[in-house]
Structures are given as C-alpha cells and as structure tokens.
Amino acid sequence: MSLYNNSMNLRGGMFHNCFLKSDEAFGGEIGRYHFGGTTYDN
C-alpha cells in the first residue's frame, strides 16, 4: 500500500491481488495488467 500512499509506510496495510496468480489473471484486471515477464527457467 505504500506505493499508493505517497511512499508512506502504512503498517499492516497491503493488497493480495498480485499473490499466487496465473499468467492470465496477472495480465488482466485482477493482477493489474502485467506483461513481458521473463524468468531464468521460462
């Protein structure tokens, strides 16, 4: 949540939309439209 809070560390405040998501969800509304990710082991 500090990313949305003018870089103030709000203790205990966090989201979970980007936790344990598939590529499909991550690339859409649930996971906030990620794209272009690469890993060492593909």
All heavy atoms as atom14 arrays in JSON, in Angstrom:
{
  "sequence": "MSLYNNSMNLRGGMFHNCFLKSDEAFGGEIGRYHFGGTTYDN",
  "atom14_mask": [
    [1, 1, 1, 1, 1, 1, 1, 1, 0, 0, 0, 0, 0, 0],
    [1, 1, 1, 1, 1, 1, 0, 0, 0, 0, 0, 0, 0, 0],
    [1, 1, 1, 1, 1, 1, 1, 1, 0, 0, 0, 0, 0, 0],
    [1, 1, 1, 1, 1, 1, 1, 1, 1, 1, 1, 1, 0, 0],
    [1, 1, 1, 1, 1, 1, 1, 1, 0, 0, 0, 0, 0, 0],
    [1, 1, 1, 1, 1, 1, 1, 1, 0, 0, 0, 0, 0, 0],
    [1, 1, 1, 1, 1, 1, 0, 0, 0, 0, 0, 0, 0, 0],
    [1, 1, 1, 1, 1, 1, 1, 1, 0, 0, 0, 0, 0, 0],
    [1, 1, 1, 1, 1, 1, 1, 1, 0, 0, 0, 0, 0, 0],
    [1, 1, 1, 1, 1, 1, 1, 1, 0, 0, 0, 0, 0, 0],
    [1, 1, 1, 1, 1, 1, 1, 1, 1, 1, 1, 0, 0, 0],
    [1, 1, 1, 1, 0, 0, 0, 0, 0, 0, 0, 0, 0, 0],
    [1, 1, 1, 1, 0, 0, 0, 0, 0, 0, 0, 0, 0, 0],
    [1, 1, 1, 1, 1, 1, 1, 1, 0, 0, 0, 0, 0, 0],
    [1, 1, 1, 1, 1, 1, 1, 1, 1, 1, 1, 0, 0, 0],
    [1, 1, 1, 1, 1, 1, 1, 1, 1, 1, 0, 0, 0, 0],
    [1, 1, 1, 1, 1, 1, 1, 1, 0, 0, 0, 0, 0, 0],
    [1, 1, 1, 1, 1, 1, 0, 0, 0, 0, 0, 0, 0, 0],
    [1, 1, 1, 1, 1, 1, 1, 1, 1, 1, 1, 0, 0, 0],
    [1, 1, 1, 1, 1, 1, 1, 1, 0, 0, 0, 0, 0, 0],
    [1, 1, 1, 1, 1, 1, 1, 1, 1, 0, 0, 0, 0, 0],
    [1, 1, 1, 1, 1, 1, 0, 0, 0, 0, 0, 0, 0, 0],
    [1, 1, 1, 1, 1, 1, 1, 1, 0, 0, 0, 0, 0, 0],
    [1, 1, 1, 1, 1, 1, 1, 1, 1, 0, 0, 0, 0, 0],
    [1, 1, 1, 1, 1, 0, 0, 0, 0, 0, 0, 0, 0, 0],
    [1, 1, 1, 1, 1, 1, 1, 1, 1, 1, 1, 0, 0, 0],
    [1, 1, 1, 1, 0, 0, 0, 0, 0, 0, 0, 0, 0, 0],
    [1, 1, 1, 1, 0, 0, 0, 0, 0, 0, 0, 0, 0, 0],
    [1, 1, 1, 1, 1, 1, 1, 1, 1, 0, 0, 0, 0, 0],
    [1, 1, 1, 1, 1, 1, 1, 1, 0, 0, 0, 0, 0, 0],
    [1, 1, 1, 1, 0, 0, 0, 0, 0, 0, 0, 0, 0, 0],
    [1, 1, 1, 1, 1, 1, 1, 1, 1, 1, 1, 0, 0, 0],
    [1, 1, 1, 1, 1, 1, 1, 1, 1, 1, 1, 1, 0, 0],
    [1, 1, 1, 1, 1, 1, 1, 1, 1, 1, 0, 0, 0, 0],
    [1, 1, 1, 1, 1, 1, 1, 1, 1, 1, 1, 0, 0, 0],
    [1, 1, 1, 1, 0, 0, 0, 0, 0, 0, 0, 0, 0, 0],
    [1, 1, 1, 1, 0, 0, 0, 0, 0, 0, 0, 0, 0, 0],
    [1, 1, 1, 1, 1, 1, 1, 0, 0, 0, 0, 0, 0, 0],
    [1, 1, 1, 1, 1, 1, 1, 0, 0, 0, 0, 0, 0, 0],
    [1, 1, 1, 1, 1, 1, 1, 1, 1, 1, 1, 1, 0, 0],
    [1, 1, 1, 1, 1, 1, 1, 1, 0, 0, 0, 0, 0, 0],
    [1, 1, 1, 1, 1, 1, 1, 1, 0, 0, 0, 0, 0, 0]
  ],
  "atom14_positions": [
    [[0.81, -1.22, 0.0], [0.0, 0.0, 0.0], [0.85, 1.28, 0.0], [0.35, 2.35, -0.36], [-0.94, -0.01, 1.19], [-2.19, 0.82, 1.0], [-3.39, 0.59, 2.33], [-4.05, -1.02, 1.92], [0.0, 0.0, 0.0], [0.0, 0.0, 0.0], [0.0, 0.0, 0.0], [0.0, 0.0, 0.0], [0.0, 0.0, 0.0], [0.0, 0.0, 0.0]],
    [[2.12, 1.19, 0.39], [2.96, 2.4, 0.39], [3.12, 2.96, -1.02], [3.36, 4.15, -1.2], [4.34, 2.11, 1.0], [5.17, 1.39, 0.12], [0.0, 0.0, 0.0], [0.0, 0.0, 0.0], [0.0, 0.0, 0.0], [0.0, 0.0, 0.0], [0.0, 0.0, 0.0], [0.0, 0.0, 0.0], [0.0, 0.0, 0.0], [0.0, 0.0, 0.0]],
    [[2.98, 2.11, -2.03], [3.09, 2.56, -3.41], [1.95, 3.51, -3.77], [2.09, 4.39, -4.63], [3.06, 1.35, -4.36], [3.31, 1.61, -5.84], [4.73, 2.11, -6.07], [3.08, 0.34, -6.66], [0.0, 0.0, 0.0], [0.0, 0.0, 0.0], [0.0, 0.0, 0.0], [0.0, 0.0, 0.0], [0.0, 0.0, 0.0], [0.0, 0.0, 0.0]],
    [[0.8, 3.36, -3.09], [-0.37, 4.18, -3.37], [-0.58, 5.26, -2.3], [-1.59, 5.96, -2.3], [-1.63, 3.3, -3.43], [-1.48, 2.1, -4.33], [-0.93, 0.91, -3.85], [-1.89, 2.15, -5.66], [-0.78, -0.2, -4.68], [-1.75, 1.05, -6.49], [-1.2, -0.12, -6.0], [-1.05, -1.21, -6.82], [0.0, 0.0, 0.0], [0.0, 0.0, 0.0]],
    [[0.37, 5.38, -1.39], [0.18, 6.22, -0.23], [1.31, 7.25, -0.1], [1.8, 7.53, 0.99], [0.12, 5.36, 1.04], [-0.38, 6.11, 2.24], [-1.37, 6.83, 2.16], [0.29, 5.96, 3.36], [0.0, 0.0, 0.0], [0.0, 0.0, 0.0], [0.0, 0.0, 0.0], [0.0, 0.0, 0.0], [0.0, 0.0, 0.0], [0.0, 0.0, 0.0]],
    [[1.73, 7.78, -1.26], [2.79, 8.8, -1.29], [4.05, 8.34, -0.57], [4.72, 9.09, 0.14], [2.29, 10.11, -0.67], [1.14, 10.71, -1.44], [1.14, 10.7, -2.67], [0.14, 11.2, -0.73], [0.0, 0.0, 0.0], [0.0, 0.0, 0.0], [0.0, 0.0, 0.0], [0.0, 0.0, 0.0], [0.0, 0.0, 0.0], [0.0, 0.0, 0.0]],
    [[4.36, 7.05, -0.74], [5.56, 6.44, -0.18], [5.63, 6.55, 1.35], [6.71, 6.57, 1.93], [6.83, 7.05, -0.82], [6.88, 6.72, -2.19], [0.0, 0.0, 0.0], [0.0, 0.0, 0.0], [0.0, 0.0, 0.0], [0.0, 0.0, 0.0], [0.0, 0.0, 0.0], [0.0, 0.0, 0.0], [0.0, 0.0, 0.0], [0.0, 0.0, 0.0]],
    [[4.47, 6.56, 2.0], [4.41, 6.45, 3.45], [4.15, 4.99, 3.79], [3.27, 4.36, 3.2], [3.28, 7.31, 4.01], [3.49, 8.79, 3.85], [4.82, 9.44, 4.89], [4.12, 9.21, 6.5], [0.0, 0.0, 0.0], [0.0, 0.0, 0.0], [0.0, 0.0, 0.0], [0.0, 0.0, 0.0], [0.0, 0.0, 0.0], [0.0, 0.0, 0.0]],
    [[4.93, 4.46, 4.7], [4.78, 3.06, 5.05], [3.62, 2.89, 6.04], [3.76, 3.14, 7.22], [6.07, 2.5, 5.68], [5.93, 1.02, 6.0], [5.08, 0.33, 5.44], [6.76, 0.52, 6.89], [0.0, 0.0, 0.0], [0.0, 0.0, 0.0], [0.0, 0.0, 0.0], [0.0, 0.0, 0.0], [0.0, 0.0, 0.0], [0.0, 0.0, 0.0]],
    [[2.48, 2.5, 5.51], [1.31, 2.27, 6.35], [1.4, 0.86, 6.91], [1.19, -0.12, 6.2], [0.04, 2.44, 5.52], [-1.28, 2.33, 6.27], [-1.36, 3.41, 7.34], [-2.45, 2.49, 5.3], [0.0, 0.0, 0.0], [0.0, 0.0, 0.0], [0.0, 0.0, 0.0], [0.0, 0.0, 0.0], [0.0, 0.0, 0.0], [0.0, 0.0, 0.0]],
    [[1.74, 0.74, 8.19], [1.97, -0.55, 8.81], [0.72, -1.42, 8.75], [-0.37, -1.01, 9.12], [2.41, -0.38, 10.27], [3.74, 0.33, 10.47], [4.9, -0.41, 9.83], [5.04, -1.76, 10.31], [5.75, -2.13, 11.38], [6.38, -1.22, 12.11], [5.85, -3.4, 11.72], [0.0, 0.0, 0.0], [0.0, 0.0, 0.0], [0.0, 0.0, 0.0]],
    [[0.91, -2.63, 8.27], [-0.19, -3.59, 8.2], [-1.1, -3.44, 7.01], [-2.02, -4.24, 6.83], [0.0, 0.0, 0.0], [0.0, 0.0, 0.0], [0.0, 0.0, 0.0], [0.0, 0.0, 0.0], [0.0, 0.0, 0.0], [0.0, 0.0, 0.0], [0.0, 0.0, 0.0], [0.0, 0.0, 0.0], [0.0, 0.0, 0.0], [0.0, 0.0, 0.0]],
    [[-0.87, -2.43, 6.15], [-1.73, -2.2, 5.0], [-1.14, -2.8, 3.74], [-0.02, -2.47, 3.35], [0.0, 0.0, 0.0], [0.0, 0.0, 0.0], [0.0, 0.0, 0.0], [0.0, 0.0, 0.0], [0.0, 0.0, 0.0], [0.0, 0.0, 0.0], [0.0, 0.0, 0.0], [0.0, 0.0, 0.0], [0.0, 0.0, 0.0], [0.0, 0.0, 0.0]],
    [[-1.89, -3.68, 3.1], [-1.39, -4.34, 1.88], [-2.55, -4.96, 1.12], [-3.62, -5.22, 1.68], [-0.38, -5.43, 2.23], [-0.96, -6.55, 3.05], [0.25, -7.35, 4.09], [0.8, -6.02, 5.14], [0.0, 0.0, 0.0], [0.0, 0.0, 0.0], [0.0, 0.0, 0.0], [0.0, 0.0, 0.0], [0.0, 0.0, 0.0], [0.0, 0.0, 0.0]],
    [[-2.34, -5.18, -0.16], [-3.3, -5.88, -1.0], [-2.83, -7.32, -1.23], [-1.71, -7.68, -0.86], [-3.47, -5.15, -2.34], [-3.89, -3.72, -2.21], [-3.01, -2.69, -2.52], [-5.16, -3.4, -1.76], [-3.4, -1.36, -2.4], [-5.55, -2.07, -1.62], [-4.67, -1.06, -1.95], [0.0, 0.0, 0.0], [0.0, 0.0, 0.0], [0.0, 0.0, 0.0]],
    [[-3.69, -8.12, -1.88], [-3.34, -9.51, -2.19], [-3.78, -9.9, -3.6], [-3.82, -11.08, -3.92], [-3.98, -10.45, -1.16], [-3.48, -10.23, 0.24], [-4.04, -9.3, 1.08], [-2.46, -10.8, 0.93], [-3.41, -9.31, 2.24], [-2.44, -10.2, 2.18], [0.0, 0.0, 0.0], [0.0, 0.0, 0.0], [0.0, 0.0, 0.0], [0.0, 0.0, 0.0]],
    [[-4.08, -8.9, -4.44], [-4.49, -9.18, -5.81], [-3.38, -9.79, -6.65], [-3.64, -10.47, -7.64], [-4.97, -7.9, -6.49], [-6.23, -7.36, -5.89], [-6.2, -6.77, -4.82], [-7.36, -7.57, -6.55], [0.0, 0.0, 0.0], [0.0, 0.0, 0.0], [0.0, 0.0, 0.0], [0.0, 0.0, 0.0], [0.0, 0.0, 0.0], [0.0, 0.0, 0.0]],
    [[-2.14, -9.51, -6.27], [-1.0, -9.97, -7.05], [-0.29, -11.14, -6.37], [0.91, -11.35, -6.57], [-0.02, -8.83, -7.3], [-0.72, -7.46, -8.25], [0.0, 0.0, 0.0], [0.0, 0.0, 0.0], [0.0, 0.0, 0.0], [0.0, 0.0, 0.0], [0.0, 0.0, 0.0], [0.0, 0.0, 0.0], [0.0, 0.0, 0.0], [0.0, 0.0, 0.0]],
    [[-1.01, -11.9, -5.57], [-0.42, -13.03, -4.85], [-0.92, -14.35, -5.41], [-2.12, -14.62, -5.43], [-0.75, -12.92, -3.36], [-0.16, -14.05, -2.54], [1.22, -14.17, -2.38], [-0.98, -14.99, -1.95], [1.76, -15.21, -1.63], [-0.45, -16.03, -1.2], [0.92, -16.14, -1.04], [0.0, 0.0, 0.0], [0.0, 0.0, 0.0], [0.0, 0.0, 0.0]],
    [[0.01, -15.17, -5.91], [-0.25, -16.51, -6.46], [-1.26, -16.47, -7.6], [-2.3, -17.13, -7.57], [-0.72, -17.47, -5.37], [0.27, -17.77, -4.24], [-0.28, -18.86, -3.32], [1.64, -18.16, -4.75], [0.0, 0.0, 0.0], [0.0, 0.0, 0.0], [0.0, 0.0, 0.0], [0.0, 0.0, 0.0], [0.0, 0.0, 0.0], [0.0, 0.0, 0.0]],
    [[-0.95, -15.72, -8.63], [-1.85, -15.56, -9.76], [-1.28, -16.21, -11.02], [-0.07, -16.27, -11.23], [-2.11, -14.07, -10.02], [-2.85, -13.37, -8.88], [-4.24, -13.96, -8.67], [-5.02, -13.28, -7.56], [-4.63, -13.74, -6.22], [0.0, 0.0, 0.0], [0.0, 0.0, 0.0], [0.0, 0.0, 0.0], [0.0, 0.0, 0.0], [0.0, 0.0, 0.0]],
    [[-2.2, -16.67, -11.86], [-1.82, -17.24, -13.15], [-1.39, -16.12, -14.1], [-1.66, -14.94, -13.84], [-2.99, -18.01, -13.76], [-4.03, -17.11, -14.13], [0.0, 0.0, 0.0], [0.0, 0.0, 0.0], [0.0, 0.0, 0.0], [0.0, 0.0, 0.0], [0.0, 0.0, 0.0], [0.0, 0.0, 0.0], [0.0, 0.0, 0.0], [0.0, 0.0, 0.0]],
    [[-0.76, -16.51, -15.2], [-0.39, -15.51, -16.22], [-1.64, -14.8, -16.75], [-1.62, -13.6, -17.02], [0.35, -16.18, -17.37], [1.8, -16.5, -17.04], [2.36, -15.81, -16.17], [2.35, -17.44, -17.63], [0.0, 0.0, 0.0], [0.0, 0.0, 0.0], [0.0, 0.0, 0.0], [0.0, 0.0, 0.0], [0.0, 0.0, 0.0], [0.0, 0.0, 0.0]],
    [[-2.72, -15.56, -16.9], [-3.96, -14.97, -17.42], [-4.49, -13.89, -16.49], [-4.83, -12.78, -16.93], [-5.01, -16.06, -17.61], [-6.34, -15.55, -18.16], [-7.38, -16.65, -18.3], [-7.08, -17.8, -17.95], [-8.51, -16.34, -18.75], [0.0, 0.0, 0.0], [0.0, 0.0, 0.0], [0.0, 0.0, 0.0], [0.0, 0.0, 0.0], [0.0, 0.0, 0.0]],
    [[-4.56, -14.2, -15.2], [-5.06, -13.21, -14.23], [-4.09, -12.04, -14.09], [-4.51, -10.89, -13.95], [-5.28, -13.87, -12.88], [0.0, 0.0, 0.0], [0.0, 0.0, 0.0], [0.0, 0.0, 0.0], [0.0, 0.0, 0.0], [0.0, 0.0, 0.0], [0.0, 0.0, 0.0], [0.0, 0.0, 0.0], [0.0, 0.0, 0.0], [0.0, 0.0, 0.0]],
    [[-2.8, -12.35, -14.15], [-1.78, -11.31, -13.98], [-1.8, -10.31, -15.13], [-1.46, -9.15, -14.95], [-0.4, -11.96, -13.87], [0.41, -11.46, -12.72], [-0.14, -11.38, -11.46], [1.72, -11.09, -12.88], [0.6, -10.93, -10.38], [2.49, -10.65, -11.8], [1.91, -10.56, -10.55], [0.0, 0.0, 0.0], [0.0, 0.0, 0.0], [0.0, 0.0, 0.0]],
    [[-2.17, -10.79, -16.31], [-2.21, -9.92, -17.47], [-3.51, -9.16, -17.61], [-3.67, -8.37, -18.55], [0.0, 0.0, 0.0], [0.0, 0.0, 0.0], [0.0, 0.0, 0.0], [0.0, 0.0, 0.0], [0.0, 0.0, 0.0], [0.0, 0.0, 0.0], [0.0, 0.0, 0.0], [0.0, 0.0, 0.0], [0.0, 0.0, 0.0], [0.0, 0.0, 0.0]],
    [[-4.46, -9.4, -16.68], [-5.76, -8.75, -16.75], [-6.04, -7.89, -15.54], [-5.14, -7.49, -14.8], [0.0, 0.0, 0.0], [0.0, 0.0, 0.0], [0.0, 0.0, 0.0], [0.0, 0.0, 0.0], [0.0, 0.0, 0.0], [0.0, 0.0, 0.0], [0.0, 0.0, 0.0], [0.0, 0.0, 0.0], [0.0, 0.0, 0.0], [0.0, 0.0, 0.0]],
    [[-7.32, -7.64, -15.32], [-7.73, -6.71, -14.27], [-7.35, -7.18, -12.88], [-6.94, -6.37, -12.03], [-9.24, -6.49, -14.35], [-9.76, -5.47, -13.35], [-11.25, -5.23, -13.51], [-11.84, -5.79, -14.45], [-11.81, -4.5, -12.69], [0.0, 0.0, 0.0], [0.0, 0.0, 0.0], [0.0, 0.0, 0.0], [0.0, 0.0, 0.0], [0.0, 0.0, 0.0]],
    [[-7.47, -8.49, -12.62], [-7.19, -9.0, -11.27], [-5.76, -8.69, -10.87], [-5.49, -8.19, -9.77], [-7.45, -10.51, -11.2], [-8.93, -10.82, -11.37], [-6.95, -11.08, -9.86], [-9.25, -12.3, -11.42], [0.0, 0.0, 0.0], [0.0, 0.0, 0.0], [0.0, 0.0, 0.0], [0.0, 0.0, 0.0], [0.0, 0.0, 0.0], [0.0, 0.0, 0.0]],
    [[-4.81, -9.0, -11.76], [-3.4, -8.85, -11.46], [-2.78, -7.56, -11.93], [-1.55, -7.42, -11.95], [0.0, 0.0, 0.0], [0.0, 0.0, 0.0], [0.0, 0.0, 0.0], [0.0, 0.0, 0.0], [0.0, 0.0, 0.0], [0.0, 0.0, 0.0], [0.0, 0.0, 0.0], [0.0, 0.0, 0.0], [0.0, 0.0, 0.0], [0.0, 0.0, 0.0]],
    [[-3.61, -6.61, -12.36], [-3.14, -5.25, -12.69], [-2.31, -5.17, -13.97], [-1.37, -4.39, -14.07], [-2.34, -4.64, -11.53], [-2.97, -4.76, -10.16], [-4.31, -4.09, -10.09], [-4.81, -4.05, -8.71], [-6.08, -4.24, -8.37], [-6.98, -4.51, -9.29], [-6.46, -4.17, -7.1], [0.0, 0.0, 0.0], [0.0, 0.0, 0.0], [0.0, 0.0, 0.0]],
    [[-2.64, -6.01, -14.97], [-2.14, -5.85, -16.33], [-0.61, -5.94, -16.45], [0.04, -5.06, -17.03], [-2.65, -4.52, -16.92], [-4.16, -4.46, -16.96], [-4.86, -3.81, -15.95], [-4.87, -5.08, -17.99], [-6.25, -3.76, -15.97], [-6.26, -5.04, -18.01], [-6.95, -4.39, -17.0], [-8.31, -4.35, -17.02], [0.0, 0.0, 0.0], [0.0, 0.0, 0.0]],
    [[-0.03, -7.0, -15.94], [1.39, -7.26, -16.15], [1.61, -7.83, -17.55], [0.76, -8.54, -18.1], [1.9, -8.27, -15.13], [1.96, -7.76, -13.72], [0.85, -7.56, -12.94], [3.03, -7.41, -12.94], [1.22, -7.11, -11.75], [2.53, -7.01, -11.72], [0.0, 0.0, 0.0], [0.0, 0.0, 0.0], [0.0, 0.0, 0.0], [0.0, 0.0, 0.0]],
    [[2.78, -7.59, -18.09], [3.12, -8.17, -19.4], [4.63, -8.17, -19.58], [5.36, -7.44, -18.9], [2.45, -7.39, -20.55], [2.82, -5.93, -20.61], [3.88, -5.49, -21.39], [2.09, -4.99, -19.89], [4.22, -4.14, -21.45], [2.42, -3.63, -19.95], [3.49, -3.21, -20.73], [0.0, 0.0, 0.0], [0.0, 0.0, 0.0], [0.0, 0.0, 0.0]],
    [[5.09, -9.03, -20.49], [6.51, -9.05, -20.89], [7.45, -9.68, -19.89], [8.66, -9.51, -19.99], [0.0, 0.0, 0.0], [0.0, 0.0, 0.0], [0.0, 0.0, 0.0], [0.0, 0.0, 0.0], [0.0, 0.0, 0.0], [0.0, 0.0, 0.0], [0.0, 0.0, 0.0], [0.0, 0.0, 0.0], [0.0, 0.0, 0.0], [0.0, 0.0, 0.0]],
    [[6.95, -10.44, -18.93], [7.81, -11.03, -17.92], [8.6, -12.24, -18.42], [8.07, -13.07, -19.15], [0.0, 0.0, 0.0], [0.0, 0.0, 0.0], [0.0, 0.0, 0.0], [0.0, 0.0, 0.0], [0.0, 0.0, 0.0], [0.0, 0.0, 0.0], [0.0, 0.0, 0.0], [0.0, 0.0, 0.0], [0.0, 0.0, 0.0], [0.0, 0.0, 0.0]],
    [[9.87, -12.3, -18.04], [10.7, -13.46, -18.37], [11.41, -13.95, -17.11], [11.72, -13.17, -16.21], [11.77, -13.11, -19.44], [12.58, -12.03, -18.96], [11.12, -12.7, -20.75], [0.0, 0.0, 0.0], [0.0, 0.0, 0.0], [0.0, 0.0, 0.0], [0.0, 0.0, 0.0], [0.0, 0.0, 0.0], [0.0, 0.0, 0.0], [0.0, 0.0, 0.0]],
    [[11.67, -15.25, -17.06], [12.38, -15.85, -15.94], [13.57, -16.65, -16.47], [13.67, -16.94, -17.66], [11.47, -16.81, -15.14], [11.12, -17.92, -15.97], [10.21, -16.1, -14.67], [0.0, 0.0, 0.0], [0.0, 0.0, 0.0], [0.0, 0.0, 0.0], [0.0, 0.0, 0.0], [0.0, 0.0, 0.0], [0.0, 0.0, 0.0], [0.0, 0.0, 0.0]],
    [[14.46, -17.03, -15.56], [15.61, -17.82, -15.95], [15.19, -19.14, -16.58], [15.77, -19.6, -17.56], [16.49, -18.11, -14.73], [17.34, -16.93, -14.3], [17.36, -16.56, -12.96], [18.1, -16.21, -15.2], [18.14, -15.48, -12.53], [18.87, -15.14, -14.79], [18.89, -14.78, -13.45], [19.65, -13.72, -13.03], [0.0, 0.0, 0.0], [0.0, 0.0, 0.0]],
    [[14.19, -19.79, -16.0], [13.8, -21.13, -16.44], [12.54, -21.14, -17.27], [11.9, -22.18, -17.43], [13.61, -22.04, -15.21], [14.92, -22.27, -14.47], [15.97, -22.36, -15.14], [14.9, -22.35, -13.22], [0.0, 0.0, 0.0], [0.0, 0.0, 0.0], [0.0, 0.0, 0.0], [0.0, 0.0, 0.0], [0.0, 0.0, 0.0], [0.0, 0.0, 0.0]],
    [[12.16, -19.96, -17.8], [10.97, -19.86, -18.65], [9.74, -20.47, -17.98], [9.02, -21.28, -18.56], [11.22, -20.53, -20.01], [12.34, -19.86, -20.78], [12.41, -18.64, -20.85], [13.24, -20.67, -21.35], [0.0, 0.0, 0.0], [0.0, 0.0, 0.0], [0.0, 0.0, 0.0], [0.0, 0.0, 0.0], [0.0, 0.0, 0.0], [0.0, 0.0, 0.0]]
  ]
}
